[in-house]
Structures are given as structure tokens and as C-alpha cells.
Amino acid sequence: MKAGATGYLLKDTLASELDLAIKAVLNGQTFLTAAVSKQVVETYMQRLKPETSATEVLTPRQREILQLIAEGKALKEIARLLHLRVKTIEPHRTMLMDRLDIHDNAGLVKYALRTGMISPES
């Protein structure tokens, strides 16, 4: 669809559905076969669900580290603030990235902003 397609059919589509698709597209409409349409709607509905809160999936220590990362603190500084070693902070950061399926610090900051852990003014 991003490439400009206005219709999508599976290769086992019946001739009657192909006829409907052609007429729809010729009339400026979009046509998706039922199976594809269902998947599109499910994906859309999934995106509408509220994002899982960090409090639901992270340990208190991971939330604390996430907040400090989102505030722009370096791992060395976080370790100093929490009276821990950097080698203790790194696994916490790795686990919270795994749990949130985020792969870099910028993504962690975006997540913290979206979920209200920090404000844009932080």
C-alpha cells in the first residue's frame, strides 16, 4: 500500500472476487481480500491499544535506571548515583531493553516520554 497499490488479492481468489476488486479499484476505491483486510484491521486495533506501562513490565530497579537514562545520565553517572558499579547497571539496562523490545538509548528516551515517566522539559 505504501508503494501505491490500491488493491490486494491472494492468488487463490475466486473470479467473482477478482471482478469486484477490479470494479472497486476502477471506481477509485481500495480493495483488500477478506483475509488481508482482517489482518489490516487487527494491526490497526493493536496500535490503538494503550502502551504497556513500564510499571507493569519492569522491576523497580529497571524503572529507576530507565528514568535516569531518559534524563540523559550516562551509565557511569547512574552507577555513581545508585552506589553501584557500571557492570551492575549494564545488565539492568540490557534486561529493560529486552523487555521493552527497544534497542538503543534513544528508544528508551522515547518510551519514557510516551509513557509519562519523564516530561519533555526533563
Protein backbone atom coordinates (compact mmCIF):
# COMPACT_ATOMS: atom_id res chain seq x y z
CA MET A 1 0.00 0.00 0.00
CA LYS A 2 2.92 2.33 0.75
CA ALA A 3 4.13 1.75 -2.81
CA GLY A 4 0.78 2.90 -4.21
CA ALA A 5 -1.26 -0.30 -4.52
CA THR A 6 -5.00 0.25 -4.25
CA GLY A 7 -5.95 -3.39 -4.07
CA TYR A 8 -4.62 -6.69 -2.81
CA LEU A 9 -5.82 -10.20 -3.57
CA LEU A 10 -4.46 -13.60 -2.67
CA LYS A 11 -3.55 -15.90 -5.55
CA ASP A 12 -6.38 -18.33 -4.71
CA THR A 13 -9.01 -15.58 -5.11
CA LEU A 14 -12.20 -16.58 -6.87
CA ALA A 15 -13.03 -14.94 -10.21
CA SER A 16 -16.07 -13.25 -8.65
CA GLU A 17 -13.87 -11.53 -6.04
CA LEU A 18 -11.39 -10.53 -8.74
CA ASP A 19 -14.26 -8.90 -10.64
CA LEU A 20 -15.33 -6.97 -7.51
CA ALA A 21 -11.74 -5.86 -6.90
CA ILE A 22 -11.28 -4.57 -10.44
CA LYS A 23 -14.56 -2.62 -10.32
CA ALA A 24 -13.68 -1.13 -6.92
CA VAL A 25 -10.21 -0.02 -7.99
CA LEU A 26 -11.55 1.44 -11.26
CA ASN A 27 -14.01 3.48 -9.18
CA GLY A 28 -11.15 4.90 -7.08
CA GLN A 29 -11.77 2.65 -4.08
CA THR A 30 -9.37 0.39 -2.22
CA PHE A 31 -9.98 -3.35 -2.26
CA LEU A 32 -8.47 -5.90 0.08
CA THR A 33 -9.32 -9.57 0.09
CA ALA A 34 -11.06 -10.62 3.32
CA ALA A 35 -8.04 -12.32 4.91
CA VAL A 36 -5.82 -9.29 4.26
CA SER A 37 -8.50 -6.88 5.41
CA LYS A 38 -8.81 -8.79 8.70
CA GLN A 39 -5.06 -8.57 9.29
CA VAL A 40 -5.01 -4.85 8.50
CA VAL A 41 -7.82 -4.19 10.97
CA GLU A 42 -6.15 -6.30 13.68
CA THR A 43 -2.87 -4.44 13.23
CA TYR A 44 -4.68 -1.11 13.40
CA MET A 45 -6.55 -2.12 16.55
CA GLN A 46 -3.30 -3.27 18.16
CA ARG A 47 -1.81 0.16 17.55
CA LEU A 48 -4.79 1.80 19.25
CA LYS A 49 -4.24 -0.14 22.48
CA PRO A 50 -2.60 1.93 25.17
CA GLU A 51 1.10 1.24 25.56
CA THR A 52 2.00 -1.10 28.39
CA SER A 53 3.20 0.89 31.35
CA ALA A 54 6.78 0.45 32.50
CA THR A 55 5.44 -0.33 35.95
CA GLU A 56 3.76 -3.43 34.52
CA VAL A 57 6.80 -5.00 32.87
CA LEU A 58 9.89 -3.64 34.63
CA THR A 59 11.35 -4.17 38.06
CA PRO A 60 11.63 -1.12 40.33
CA ARG A 61 15.40 -1.00 39.68
CA GLN A 62 14.88 -1.18 35.90
CA ARG A 63 12.34 1.67 36.10
CA GLU A 64 14.81 3.70 38.14
CA ILE A 65 17.58 3.10 35.59
CA LEU A 66 15.22 3.82 32.68
CA GLN A 67 14.26 7.14 34.22
CA LEU A 68 17.89 8.13 34.76
CA ILE A 69 18.81 7.14 31.19
CA ALA A 70 15.83 9.11 29.89
CA GLU A 71 17.01 12.12 31.88
CA GLY A 72 20.29 11.93 29.95
CA LYS A 73 22.51 10.37 32.57
CA ALA A 74 25.47 8.23 31.42
CA LEU A 75 25.86 4.70 32.81
CA LYS A 76 28.87 5.81 34.87
CA GLU A 77 26.83 8.62 36.42
CA ILE A 78 23.88 6.28 37.08
CA ALA A 79 26.22 3.85 38.82
CA ARG A 80 27.58 6.65 41.00
CA LEU A 81 24.09 7.94 41.88
CA LEU A 82 22.86 4.45 42.82
CA HIS A 83 26.10 3.49 44.59
CA LEU A 84 26.62 0.59 42.19
CA ARG A 85 29.23 -0.45 39.66
CA VAL A 86 28.74 0.20 35.93
CA LYS A 87 28.96 -3.57 35.44
CA THR A 88 25.86 -3.87 37.64
CA ILE A 89 23.93 -1.18 35.73
CA GLU A 90 24.65 -2.62 32.27
CA PRO A 91 22.70 -5.90 32.78
CA HIS A 92 19.73 -3.95 34.15
CA ARG A 93 19.73 -1.75 31.05
CA THR A 94 20.05 -4.81 28.79
CA MET A 95 17.11 -6.55 30.50
CA LEU A 96 14.85 -3.50 30.33
CA MET A 97 15.68 -3.10 26.62
CA ASP A 98 14.83 -6.77 26.07
CA ARG A 99 11.54 -6.50 27.97
CA LEU A 100 10.51 -3.38 26.07
CA ASP A 101 11.93 -4.59 22.74
CA ILE A 102 13.92 -1.38 22.42
CA HIS A 103 17.43 -1.45 21.02
CA ASP A 104 19.08 1.86 21.91
CA ASN A 105 19.09 4.68 24.45
CA ALA A 106 17.16 6.99 22.12
CA GLY A 107 14.36 4.42 22.02
CA LEU A 108 14.36 4.26 25.81
CA VAL A 109 14.01 8.04 25.99
CA LYS A 110 11.09 7.98 23.53
CA TYR A 111 9.42 5.22 25.55
CA ALA A 112 9.85 7.17 28.79
CA LEU A 113 8.30 10.24 27.16
CA ARG A 114 5.36 8.29 25.66
CA THR A 115 4.54 6.59 28.94
CA GLY A 116 4.87 9.73 31.04
CA MET A 117 7.90 8.57 33.03
CA ILE A 118 9.56 11.87 32.17
CA SER A 119 8.20 15.09 30.76
CA PRO A 120 9.59 16.79 27.65
CA GLU A 121 11.00 19.51 29.93
CA SER A 122 13.12 16.97 31.90
